[in-house]
Amino acid sequence: MWHFVQDHSDYVEKGSSYERRPDCEKKYDCGTWTGANDISVEDSFVWIGSNTPVTFTNWTGANPDDDMVTEDLDCVEIFYDSTWNDRPCPHLEPFICEK
């Protein structure tokens, strides 16, 4: 499921800078994956690279809102306004790496 870049990069974690993608017109159409997820334990978000707990969050609206009815929303995306959303992990989006 996870594909890491071979130049020793990892998914971005808290405290890293993030710039708005230039192709974003609508907030909810332009998410970018972070490395946060709650795949192992529901509502216990960790960073995929270090497996450390997520201690800072900036959820948008009522998120995280894993309804478990239509899809399991386990992975975290960030929008250009720096708010977060939970979404199904197989959803195709760009991701942020850091060195």
PDB file of N, CA and C in Angstrom:
ATOM      1  N   MET A   1       0.813  -1.189   0.000  1.00  0.00           N
ATOM      2  CA  MET A   1       0.000   0.000   0.000  1.00  0.00           C
ATOM      3  C   MET A   1       0.862   1.262   0.000  1.00  0.00           C
ATOM      4  N   TRP A   2       1.920   1.304   0.794  1.00  0.00           N
ATOM      5  CA  TRP A   2       2.750   2.507   0.897  1.00  0.00           C
ATOM      6  C   TRP A   2       3.967   2.369   0.002  1.00  0.00           C
ATOM      7  N   HIS A   3       4.281   3.415  -0.733  1.00  0.00           N
ATOM      8  CA  HIS A   3       5.430   3.416  -1.622  1.00  0.00           C
ATOM      9  C   HIS A   3       6.358   4.565  -1.223  1.00  0.00           C
ATOM     10  N   PHE A   4       7.547   4.242  -0.792  1.00  0.00           N
ATOM     11  CA  PHE A   4       8.494   5.257  -0.348  1.00  0.00           C
ATOM     12  C   PHE A   4       9.496   5.553  -1.449  1.00  0.00           C
ATOM     13  N   VAL A   5       9.891   6.788  -1.539  1.00  0.00           N
ATOM     14  CA  VAL A   5      10.872   7.221  -2.523  1.00  0.00           C
ATOM     15  C   VAL A   5      12.239   6.671  -2.113  1.00  0.00           C
ATOM     16  N   GLN A   6      13.024   6.264  -3.080  1.00  0.00           N
ATOM     17  CA  GLN A   6      14.299   5.617  -2.799  1.00  0.00           C
ATOM     18  C   GLN A   6      15.427   6.579  -2.412  1.00  0.00           C
ATOM     19  N   ASP A   7      15.127   7.850  -2.225  1.00  0.00           N
ATOM     20  CA  ASP A   7      16.182   8.807  -1.853  1.00  0.00           C
ATOM     21  C   ASP A   7      16.127   9.154  -0.370  1.00  0.00           C
ATOM     22  N   HIS A   8      15.638   8.228   0.443  1.00  0.00           N
ATOM     23  CA  HIS A   8      15.567   8.375   1.895  1.00  0.00           C
ATOM     24  C   HIS A   8      14.545   9.412   2.330  1.00  0.00           C
ATOM     25  N   SER A   9      13.555   9.663   1.505  1.00  0.00           N
ATOM     26  CA  SER A   9      12.468  10.553   1.890  1.00  0.00           C
ATOM     27  C   SER A   9      11.416   9.751   2.626  1.00  0.00           C
ATOM     28  N   ASP A  10      10.546  10.439   3.309  1.00  0.00           N
ATOM     29  CA  ASP A  10       9.460   9.796   4.035  1.00  0.00           C
ATOM     30  C   ASP A  10       8.244  10.699   3.928  1.00  0.00           C
ATOM     31  N   TYR A  11       7.073  10.174   4.315  1.00  0.00           N
ATOM     32  CA  TYR A  11       5.889  11.014   4.335  1.00  0.00           C
ATOM     33  C   TYR A  11       6.101  12.147   5.323  1.00  0.00           C
ATOM     34  N   VAL A  12       5.530  13.290   5.025  1.00  0.00           N
ATOM     35  CA  VAL A  12       5.685  14.453   5.873  1.00  0.00           C
ATOM     36  C   VAL A  12       4.982  14.220   7.214  1.00  0.00           C
ATOM     37  N   GLU A  13       5.574  14.740   8.272  1.00  0.00           N
ATOM     38  CA  GLU A  13       4.972  14.694   9.596  1.00  0.00           C
ATOM     39  C   GLU A  13       4.779  16.119  10.088  1.00  0.00           C
ATOM     40  N   LYS A  14       4.196  16.258  11.263  1.00  0.00           N
ATOM     41  CA  LYS A  14       3.910  17.576  11.824  1.00  0.00           C
ATOM     42  C   LYS A  14       5.141  18.468  11.844  1.00  0.00           C
ATOM     43  N   GLY A  15       4.896  19.749  11.767  1.00  0.00           N
ATOM     44  CA  GLY A  15       5.983  20.713  11.843  1.00  0.00           C
ATOM     45  C   GLY A  15       6.644  20.994  10.519  1.00  0.00           C
ATOM     46  N   SER A  16       6.247  20.326   9.461  1.00  0.00           N
ATOM     47  CA  SER A  16       6.828  20.568   8.148  1.00  0.00           C
ATOM     48  C   SER A  16       5.995  21.586   7.394  1.00  0.00           C
ATOM     49  N   SER A  17       6.649  22.354   6.536  1.00  0.00           N
ATOM     50  CA  SER A  17       5.920  23.362   5.774  1.00  0.00           C
ATOM     51  C   SER A  17       5.163  22.713   4.624  1.00  0.00           C
ATOM     52  N   TYR A  18       4.110  23.376   4.193  1.00  0.00           N
ATOM     53  CA  TYR A  18       3.279  22.875   3.105  1.00  0.00           C
ATOM     54  C   TYR A  18       2.767  24.064   2.313  1.00  0.00           C
ATOM     55  N   GLU A  19       2.912  24.003   1.005  1.00  0.00           N
ATOM     56  CA  GLU A  19       2.433  25.081   0.151  1.00  0.00           C
ATOM     57  C   GLU A  19       1.249  24.595  -0.665  1.00  0.00           C
ATOM     58  N   ARG A  20       0.367  25.525  -1.004  1.00  0.00           N
ATOM     59  CA  ARG A  20      -0.816  25.194  -1.800  1.00  0.00           C
ATOM     60  C   ARG A  20      -0.409  24.702  -3.173  1.00  0.00           C
ATOM     61  N   ARG A  21      -1.036  23.619  -3.605  1.00  0.00           N
ATOM     62  CA  ARG A  21      -0.804  23.117  -4.955  1.00  0.00           C
ATOM     63  C   ARG A  21      -1.355  24.127  -5.954  1.00  0.00           C
ATOM     64  N   PRO A  22      -0.598  24.443  -6.992  1.00  0.00           N
ATOM     65  CA  PRO A  22      -1.043  25.466  -7.940  1.00  0.00           C
ATOM     66  C   PRO A  22      -2.271  25.075  -8.752  1.00  0.00           C
ATOM     67  N   ASP A  23      -2.596  23.793  -8.840  1.00  0.00           N
ATOM     68  CA  ASP A  23      -3.744  23.352  -9.632  1.00  0.00           C
ATOM     69  C   ASP A  23      -5.042  23.272  -8.823  1.00  0.00           C
ATOM     70  N   CYS A  24      -5.049  23.748  -7.580  1.00  0.00           N
ATOM     71  CA  CYS A  24      -6.224  23.626  -6.721  1.00  0.00           C
ATOM     72  C   CYS A  24      -7.191  24.786  -6.929  1.00  0.00           C
ATOM     73  N   GLU A  25      -8.399  24.433  -7.293  1.00  0.00           N
ATOM     74  CA  GLU A  25      -9.476  25.408  -7.406  1.00  0.00           C
ATOM     75  C   GLU A  25     -10.458  25.238  -6.255  1.00  0.00           C
ATOM     76  N   LYS A  26     -10.850  23.996  -5.989  1.00  0.00           N
ATOM     77  CA  LYS A  26     -11.799  23.697  -4.928  1.00  0.00           C
ATOM     78  C   LYS A  26     -11.079  22.933  -3.822  1.00  0.00           C
ATOM     79  N   LYS A  27     -11.284  23.366  -2.610  1.00  0.00           N
ATOM     80  CA  LYS A  27     -10.605  22.781  -1.451  1.00  0.00           C
ATOM     81  C   LYS A  27     -10.726  21.262  -1.397  1.00  0.00           C
ATOM     82  N   TYR A  28     -11.938  20.721  -1.514  1.00  0.00           N
ATOM     83  CA  TYR A  28     -12.148  19.290  -1.312  1.00  0.00           C
ATOM     84  C   TYR A  28     -11.717  18.438  -2.497  1.00  0.00           C
ATOM     85  N   ASP A  29     -11.351  19.068  -3.604  1.00  0.00           N
ATOM     86  CA  ASP A  29     -10.850  18.331  -4.762  1.00  0.00           C
ATOM     87  C   ASP A  29      -9.331  18.301  -4.801  1.00  0.00           C
ATOM     88  N   CYS A  30      -8.702  18.947  -3.857  1.00  0.00           N
ATOM     89  CA  CYS A  30      -7.246  19.111  -3.920  1.00  0.00           C
ATOM     90  C   CYS A  30      -6.548  18.708  -2.638  1.00  0.00           C
ATOM     91  N   GLY A  31      -6.844  17.544  -2.143  1.00  0.00           N
ATOM     92  CA  GLY A  31      -6.136  17.063  -0.973  1.00  0.00           C
ATOM     93  C   GLY A  31      -4.781  16.490  -1.349  1.00  0.00           C
ATOM     94  N   THR A  32      -3.900  16.447  -0.380  1.00  0.00           N
ATOM     95  CA  THR A  32      -2.581  15.855  -0.541  1.00  0.00           C
ATOM     96  C   THR A  32      -2.343  14.975   0.676  1.00  0.00           C
ATOM     97  N   TRP A  33      -1.892  13.741   0.428  1.00  0.00           N
ATOM     98  CA  TRP A  33      -1.685  12.825   1.550  1.00  0.00           C
ATOM     99  C   TRP A  33      -0.592  13.316   2.491  1.00  0.00           C
ATOM    100  N   THR A  34      -0.850  13.149   3.772  1.00  0.00           N
ATOM    101  CA  THR A  34       0.201  13.274   4.786  1.00  0.00           C
ATOM    102  C   THR A  34       0.575  11.843   5.147  1.00  0.00           C
ATOM    103  N   GLY A  35       1.370  11.655   6.157  1.00  0.00           N
ATOM    104  CA  GLY A  35       1.714  10.302   6.580  1.00  0.00           C
ATOM    105  C   GLY A  35       0.901   9.825   7.757  1.00  0.00           C
ATOM    106  N   ALA A  36      -0.197  10.522   8.095  1.00  0.00           N
ATOM    107  CA  ALA A  36      -0.996  10.145   9.253  1.00  0.00           C
ATOM    108  C   ALA A  36      -2.093   9.166   8.861  1.00  0.00           C
ATOM    109  N   ASN A  37      -2.374   8.208   9.759  1.00  0.00           N
ATOM    110  CA  ASN A  37      -3.444   7.240   9.517  1.00  0.00           C
ATOM    111  C   ASN A  37      -3.863   6.595  10.829  1.00  0.00           C
ATOM    112  N   ASP A  38      -5.051   5.975  10.785  1.00  0.00           N
ATOM    113  CA  ASP A  38      -5.518   5.192  11.934  1.00  0.00           C
ATOM    114  C   ASP A  38      -5.893   3.784  11.471  1.00  0.00           C
ATOM    115  N   ILE A  39      -5.055   3.209  10.631  1.00  0.00           N
ATOM    116  CA  ILE A  39      -5.303   1.880  10.069  1.00  0.00           C
ATOM    117  C   ILE A  39      -5.317   0.804  11.158  1.00  0.00           C
ATOM    118  N   SER A  40      -4.376   0.862  12.070  1.00  0.00           N
ATOM    119  CA  SER A  40      -4.262  -0.193  13.095  1.00  0.00           C
ATOM    120  C   SER A  40      -5.340  -0.102  14.166  1.00  0.00           C
ATOM    121  N   VAL A  41      -5.551   1.101  14.695  1.00  0.00           N
ATOM    122  CA  VAL A  41      -6.521   1.305  15.770  1.00  0.00           C
ATOM    123  C   VAL A  41      -7.363   2.529  15.422  1.00  0.00           C
ATOM    124  N   GLU A  42      -8.657   2.330  15.279  1.00  0.00           N
ATOM    125  CA  GLU A  42      -9.556   3.416  14.915  1.00  0.00           C
ATOM    126  C   GLU A  42      -9.457   4.584  15.896  1.00  0.00           C
ATOM    127  N   ASP A  43      -9.325   5.794  15.343  1.00  0.00           N
ATOM    128  CA  ASP A  43      -9.212   7.056  16.090  1.00  0.00           C
ATOM    129  C   ASP A  43      -7.898   7.207  16.849  1.00  0.00           C
ATOM    130  N   SER A  44      -6.913   6.350  16.594  1.00  0.00           N
ATOM    131  CA  SER A  44      -5.567   6.506  17.160  1.00  0.00           C
ATOM    132  C   SER A  44      -4.617   6.742  15.989  1.00  0.00           C
ATOM    133  N   PHE A  45      -4.466   7.991  15.617  1.00  0.00           N
ATOM    134  CA  PHE A  45      -3.677   8.340  14.445  1.00  0.00           C
ATOM    135  C   PHE A  45      -2.182   8.323  14.765  1.00  0.00           C
ATOM    136  N   VAL A  46      -1.420   7.733  13.849  1.00  0.00           N
ATOM    137  CA  VAL A  46       0.039   7.670  13.958  1.00  0.00           C
ATOM    138  C   VAL A  46       0.638   8.111  12.625  1.00  0.00           C
ATOM    139  N   TRP A  47       1.929   8.478  12.673  1.00  0.00           N
ATOM    140  CA  TRP A  47       2.679   8.814  11.464  1.00  0.00           C
ATOM    141  C   TRP A  47       3.258   7.535  10.890  1.00  0.00           C
ATOM    142  N   ILE A  48       3.012   7.272   9.615  1.00  0.00           N
ATOM    143  CA  ILE A  48       3.395   6.006   8.992  1.00  0.00           C
ATOM    144  C   ILE A  48       4.909   5.783   9.016  1.00  0.00           C
ATOM    145  N   GLY A  49       5.709   6.822   8.848  1.00  0.00           N
ATOM    146  CA  GLY A  49       7.156   6.656   8.795  1.00  0.00           C
ATOM    147  C   GLY A  49       7.779   6.278  10.124  1.00  0.00           C
ATOM    148  N   SER A  50       7.330   6.914  11.201  1.00  0.00           N
ATOM    149  CA  SER A  50       7.933   6.695  12.518  1.00  0.00           C
ATOM    150  C   SER A  50       7.032   5.908  13.466  1.00  0.00           C
ATOM    151  N   ASN A  51       5.767   5.721  13.097  1.00  0.00           N
ATOM    152  CA  ASN A  51       4.782   5.053  13.925  1.00  0.00           C
ATOM    153  C   ASN A  51       4.583   5.751  15.270  1.00  0.00           C
ATOM    154  N   THR A  52       4.854   7.058  15.311  1.00  0.00           N
ATOM    155  CA  THR A  52       4.634   7.830  16.527  1.00  0.00           C
ATOM    156  C   THR A  52       3.230   8.433  16.501  1.00  0.00           C
ATOM    157  N   PRO A  53       2.629   8.638  17.654  1.00  0.00           N
ATOM    158  CA  PRO A  53       1.271   9.194  17.705  1.00  0.00           C
ATOM    159  C   PRO A  53       1.212  10.607  17.127  1.00  0.00           C
ATOM    160  N   VAL A  54       0.110  10.908  16.495  1.00  0.00           N
ATOM    161  CA  VAL A  54      -0.152  12.261  16.005  1.00  0.00           C
ATOM    162  C   VAL A  54      -0.622  13.078  17.202  1.00  0.00           C
ATOM    163  N   THR A  55       0.118  14.111  17.542  1.00  0.00           N
ATOM    164  CA  THR A  55      -0.225  14.919  18.713  1.00  0.00           C
ATOM    165  C   THR A  55      -0.827  16.270  18.326  1.00  0.00           C
ATOM    166  N   PHE A  56      -0.618  16.716  17.112  1.00  0.00           N
ATOM    167  CA  PHE A  56      -1.225  17.949  16.607  1.00  0.00           C
ATOM    168  C   PHE A  56      -2.194  17.580  15.501  1.00  0.00           C
ATOM    169  N   THR A  57      -3.375  18.166  15.509  1.00  0.00           N
ATOM    170  CA  THR A  57      -4.331  17.955  14.423  1.00  0.00           C
ATOM    171  C   THR A  57      -4.949  19.286  14.031  1.00  0.00           C
ATOM    172  N   ASN A  58      -5.469  19.344  12.827  1.00  0.00           N
ATOM    173  CA  ASN A  58      -6.153  20.539  12.342  1.00  0.00           C
ATOM    174  C   ASN A  58      -7.316  20.099  11.453  1.00  0.00           C
ATOM    175  N   TRP A  59      -8.226  19.311  12.025  1.00  0.00           N
ATOM    176  CA  TRP A  59      -9.332  18.740  11.264  1.00  0.00           C
ATOM    177  C   TRP A  59     -10.263  19.824  10.746  1.00  0.00           C
ATOM    178  N   THR A  60     -10.814  19.578   9.571  1.00  0.00           N
ATOM    179  CA  THR A  60     -11.822  20.468   9.008  1.00  0.00           C
ATOM    180  C   THR A  60     -13.203  19.960   9.395  1.00  0.00           C
ATOM    181  N   GLY A  61     -14.089  20.851   9.779  1.00  0.00           N
ATOM    182  CA  GLY A  61     -15.459  20.474  10.114  1.00  0.00           C
ATOM    183  C   GLY A  61     -15.556  19.423  11.196  1.00  0.00           C
ATOM    184  N   ALA A  62     -16.334  18.379  10.937  1.00  0.00           N
ATOM    185  CA  ALA A  62     -16.583  17.318  11.922  1.00  0.00           C
ATOM    186  C   ALA A  62     -15.611  16.153  11.799  1.00  0.00           C
ATOM    187  N   ASN A  63     -14.539  16.325  11.096  1.00  0.00           N
ATOM    188  CA  ASN A  63     -13.564  15.249  10.903  1.00  0.00           C
ATOM    189  C   ASN A  63     -12.719  15.042  12.151  1.00  0.00           C
ATOM    190  N   PRO A  64     -12.185  13.853  12.370  1.00  0.00           N
ATOM    191  CA  PRO A  64     -12.358  12.685  11.526  1.00  0.00           C
ATOM    192  C   PRO A  64     -13.765  12.109  11.685  1.00  0.00           C
ATOM    193  N   ASP A  65     -14.331  11.675  10.564  1.00  0.00           N
ATOM    194  CA  ASP A  65     -15.725  11.229  10.578  1.00  0.00           C
ATOM    195  C   ASP A  65     -15.891   9.865   9.917  1.00  0.00           C
ATOM    196  N   ASP A  66     -15.072   8.930  10.285  1.00  0.00           N
ATOM    197  CA  ASP A  66     -15.110   7.588   9.714  1.00  0.00           C
ATOM    198  C   ASP A  66     -16.469   6.963   9.978  1.00  0.00           C
ATOM    199  N   ASP A  67     -17.339   6.996   8.960  1.00  0.00           N
ATOM    200  CA  ASP A  67     -18.698   6.498   9.159  1.00  0.00           C
ATOM    201  C   ASP A  67     -18.802   4.979   9.059  1.00  0.00           C
ATOM    202  N   MET A  68     -17.779   4.318   8.505  1.00  0.00           N
ATOM    203  CA  MET A  68     -17.721   2.865   8.391  1.00  0.00           C
ATOM    204  C   MET A  68     -18.912   2.281   7.622  1.00  0.00           C
ATOM    205  N   VAL A  69     -19.746   3.120   7.043  1.00  0.00           N
ATOM    206  CA  VAL A  69     -20.905   2.642   6.293  1.00  0.00           C
ATOM    207  C   VAL A  69     -20.535   2.489   4.824  1.00  0.00           C
ATOM    208  N   THR A  70     -20.019   3.559   4.233  1.00  0.00           N
ATOM    209  CA  THR A  70     -19.676   3.505   2.817  1.00  0.00           C
ATOM    210  C   THR A  70     -18.231   3.095   2.597  1.00  0.00           C
ATOM    211  N   GLU A  71     -17.318   3.683   3.346  1.00  0.00           N
ATOM    212  CA  GLU A  71     -15.893   3.379   3.196  1.00  0.00           C
ATOM    213  C   GLU A  71     -15.184   3.605   4.524  1.00  0.00           C
ATOM    214  N   ASP A  72     -14.076   2.900   4.713  1.00  0.00           N
ATOM    215  CA  ASP A  72     -13.261   3.083   5.905  1.00  0.00           C
ATOM    216  C   ASP A  72     -12.301   4.233   5.649  1.00  0.00           C
ATOM    217  N   LEU A  73     -12.427   5.295   6.408  1.00  0.00           N
ATOM    218  CA  LEU A  73     -11.623   6.504   6.205  1.00  0.00           C
ATOM    219  C   LEU A  73     -10.448   6.481   7.172  1.00  0.00           C
ATOM    220  N   ASP A  74      -9.315   5.928   6.739  1.00  0.00           N
ATOM    221  CA  ASP A  74      -8.180   5.713   7.636  1.00  0.00           C
ATOM    222  C   ASP A  74      -6.973   6.606   7.377  1.00  0.00           C
ATOM    223  N   CYS A  75      -6.880   7.233   6.222  1.00  0.00           N
ATOM    224  CA  CYS A  75      -5.702   8.036   5.895  1.00  0.00           C
ATOM    225  C   CYS A  75      -6.036   9.524   5.909  1.00  0.00           C
ATOM    226  N   VAL A  76      -5.042  10.341   6.200  1.00  0.00           N
ATOM    227  CA  VAL A  76      -5.266  11.770   6.397  1.00  0.00           C
ATOM    228  C   VAL A  76      -4.684  12.570   5.236  1.00  0.00           C
ATOM    229  N   GLU A  77      -5.530  13.439   4.673  1.00  0.00           N
ATOM    230  CA  GLU A  77      -5.084  14.368   3.640  1.00  0.00           C
ATOM    231  C   GLU A  77      -5.099  15.779   4.222  1.00  0.00           C
ATOM    232  N   ILE A  78      -4.330  16.641   3.606  1.00  0.00           N
ATOM    233  CA  ILE A  78      -4.290  18.049   4.007  1.00  0.00           C
ATOM    234  C   ILE A  78      -4.745  18.880   2.815  1.00  0.00           C
ATOM    235  N   PHE A  79      -5.534  19.917   3.111  1.00  0.00           N
ATOM    236  CA  PHE A  79      -6.006  20.827   2.074  1.00  0.00           C
ATOM    237  C   PHE A  79      -5.122  22.063   2.020  1.00  0.00           C
ATOM    238  N   TYR A  80      -5.298  22.869   0.991  1.00  0.00           N
ATOM    239  CA  TYR A  80      -4.440  24.052   0.822  1.00  0.00           C
ATOM    240  C   TYR A  80      -4.612  25.084   1.925  1.00  0.00           C
ATOM    241  N   ASP A  81      -5.686  24.997   2.695  1.00  0.00           N
ATOM    242  CA  ASP A  81      -5.827  25.922   3.829  1.00  0.00           C
ATOM    243  C   ASP A  81      -5.264  25.310   5.116  1.00  0.00           C
ATOM    244  N   SER A  82      -4.546  24.201   4.980  1.00  0.00           N
ATOM    245  CA  SER A  82      -3.878  23.484   6.076  1.00  0.00           C
ATOM    246  C   SER A  82      -4.818  22.712   6.987  1.00  0.00           C
ATOM    247  N   THR A  83      -6.096  22.572   6.618  1.00  0.00           N
ATOM    248  CA  THR A  83      -7.006  21.743   7.405  1.00  0.00           C
ATOM    249  C   THR A  83      -6.911  20.301   6.933  1.00  0.00           C
ATOM    250  N   TRP A  84      -7.307  19.370   7.808  1.00  0.00           N
ATOM    251  CA  TRP A  84      -7.154  17.945   7.560  1.00  0.00           C
ATOM    252  C   TRP A  84      -8.502  17.268   7.325  1.00  0.00           C
ATOM    253  N   ASN A  85      -8.460  16.151   6.614  1.00  0.00           N
ATOM    254  CA  ASN A  85      -9.639  15.347   6.333  1.00  0.00           C
ATOM    255  C   ASN A  85      -9.219  13.879   6.339  1.00  0.00           C
ATOM    256  N   ASP A  86     -10.111  12.992   6.787  1.00  0.00           N
ATOM    257  CA  ASP A  86      -9.826  11.559   6.678  1.00  0.00           C
ATOM    258  C   ASP A  86     -10.526  11.021   5.438  1.00  0.00           C
ATOM    259  N   ARG A  87      -9.839  10.141   4.733  1.00  0.00           N
ATOM    260  CA  ARG A  87     -10.315   9.653   3.444  1.00  0.00           C
ATOM    261  C   ARG A  87      -9.859   8.203   3.278  1.00  0.00           C
ATOM    262  N   PRO A  88     -10.530   7.424   2.411  1.00  0.00           N
ATOM    263  CA  PRO A  88     -10.074   6.051   2.175  1.00  0.00           C
ATOM    264  C   PRO A  88      -8.642   6.016   1.645  1.00  0.00           C
ATOM    265  N   CYS A  89      -7.826   5.154   2.169  1.00  0.00           N
ATOM    266  CA  CYS A  89      -6.414   5.080   1.768  1.00  0.00           C
ATOM    267  C   CYS A  89      -6.198   4.785   0.284  1.00  0.00           C
ATOM    268  N   PRO A  90      -7.039   3.999  -0.379  1.00  0.00           N
ATOM    269  CA  PRO A  90      -6.802   3.732  -1.802  1.00  0.00           C
ATOM    270  C   PRO A  90      -7.077   4.924  -2.721  1.00  0.00           C
ATOM    271  N   HIS A  91      -7.646   6.007  -2.186  1.00  0.00           N
ATOM    272  CA  HIS A  91      -7.929   7.183  -3.009  1.00  0.00           C
ATOM    273  C   HIS A  91      -6.620   7.738  -3.574  1.00  0.00           C
ATOM    274  N   LEU A  92      -6.576   7.984  -4.877  1.00  0.00           N
ATOM    275  CA  LEU A  92      -5.353   8.468  -5.530  1.00  0.00           C
ATOM    276  C   LEU A  92      -5.182   9.970  -5.350  1.00  0.00           C
ATOM    277  N   GLU A  93      -4.088  10.357  -4.704  1.00  0.00           N
ATOM    278  CA  GLU A  93      -3.737  11.757  -4.502  1.00  0.00           C
ATOM    279  C   GLU A  93      -2.221  11.866  -4.456  1.00  0.00           C
ATOM    280  N   PRO A  94      -1.696  13.063  -4.726  1.00  0.00           N
ATOM    281  CA  PRO A  94      -0.260  13.243  -4.514  1.00  0.00           C
ATOM    282  C   PRO A  94       0.047  13.165  -3.012  1.00  0.00           C
ATOM    283  N   PHE A  95       1.300  12.964  -2.674  1.00  0.00           N
ATOM    284  CA  PHE A  95       1.683  12.938  -1.285  1.00  0.00           C
ATOM    285  C   PHE A  95       2.880  13.834  -1.060  1.00  0.00           C
ATOM    286  N   ILE A  96       3.099  14.204   0.171  1.00  0.00           N
ATOM    287  CA  ILE A  96       4.180  15.098   0.535  1.00  0.00           C
ATOM    288  C   ILE A  96       5.302  14.260   1.143  1.00  0.00           C
ATOM    289  N   CYS A  97       6.525  14.480   0.676  1.00  0.00           N
ATOM    290  CA  CYS A  97       7.689  13.813   1.265  1.00  0.00           C
ATOM    291  C   CYS A  97       8.607  14.852   1.885  1.00  0.00           C
ATOM    292  N   GLU A  98       9.399  14.415   2.818  1.00  0.00           N
ATOM    293  CA  GLU A  98      10.412  15.276   3.433  1.00  0.00           C
ATOM    294  C   GLU A  98      11.680  14.463   3.622  1.00  0.00           C
ATOM    295  N   LYS A  99      12.787  15.137   3.658  1.00  0.00           N
ATOM    296  CA  LYS A  99      14.094  14.483   3.874  1.00  0.00           C
ATOM    297  C   LYS A  99      14.617  14.840   5.233  1.00  0.00           C
TER     298      LYS A  99
END
